[in-house]
Amino acid sequence: MRRRLVAVLALAPIALAAGCGAEDRPLDGACTASARAIERALERAPAPVTLGTGTRLSDCVARARDDADLQNAGAVLSRAADDLSARARRGDARAAVGLGYLVGAARRGSAHTAGIHAELRRRVESAAAFLDEAGAGVVRALRRGVRAGEATG
């Protein structure tokens, strides 16, 4: 009897995870392929952005559940945010829209994750800080991107 109880308890997390549905899907490899791939996808912003596999950027955030996924997704998304930020600081409004979309998508993806994605979100958001120095057009573009990313990211 004791062996059966141990076996049932050992399998319980697996059974629970299998029944949780879409939220427990693994992180799509496209989320960690490259910052450049993320940036290319963001060229469609403020229209809805998905990666080549159909994954939304908010899903890249939400599905990064373990330490390795959080680190890998965080590194790629942060690199994309930093690259877009550098271009936006030079006055590139299209880059600002993409950066804003990424910020909005990170907010959307981290909204219901009990805080485990807070650092990833903070790193992406920090790339958008101080863009007001780039001019009003860039700031408007950033805000437009954030609204779109929060809605469809």
Foldseek 3Di string as FASTA:
>chain_A
DVVVVVVCVVCVVVVVLVPPPDLQDAQDVQLQPALVQLLVQLLPPPPFGDGPVRHGLLSLLSRQDDPVSLVRNLVSLLVNLLVLLVVLLQPPLSSLLSLLLNLLSPCQSCVPPVPPSVVSSVSSVVSVPPSVNSDDSNVVSSPRSNVSNVVRD
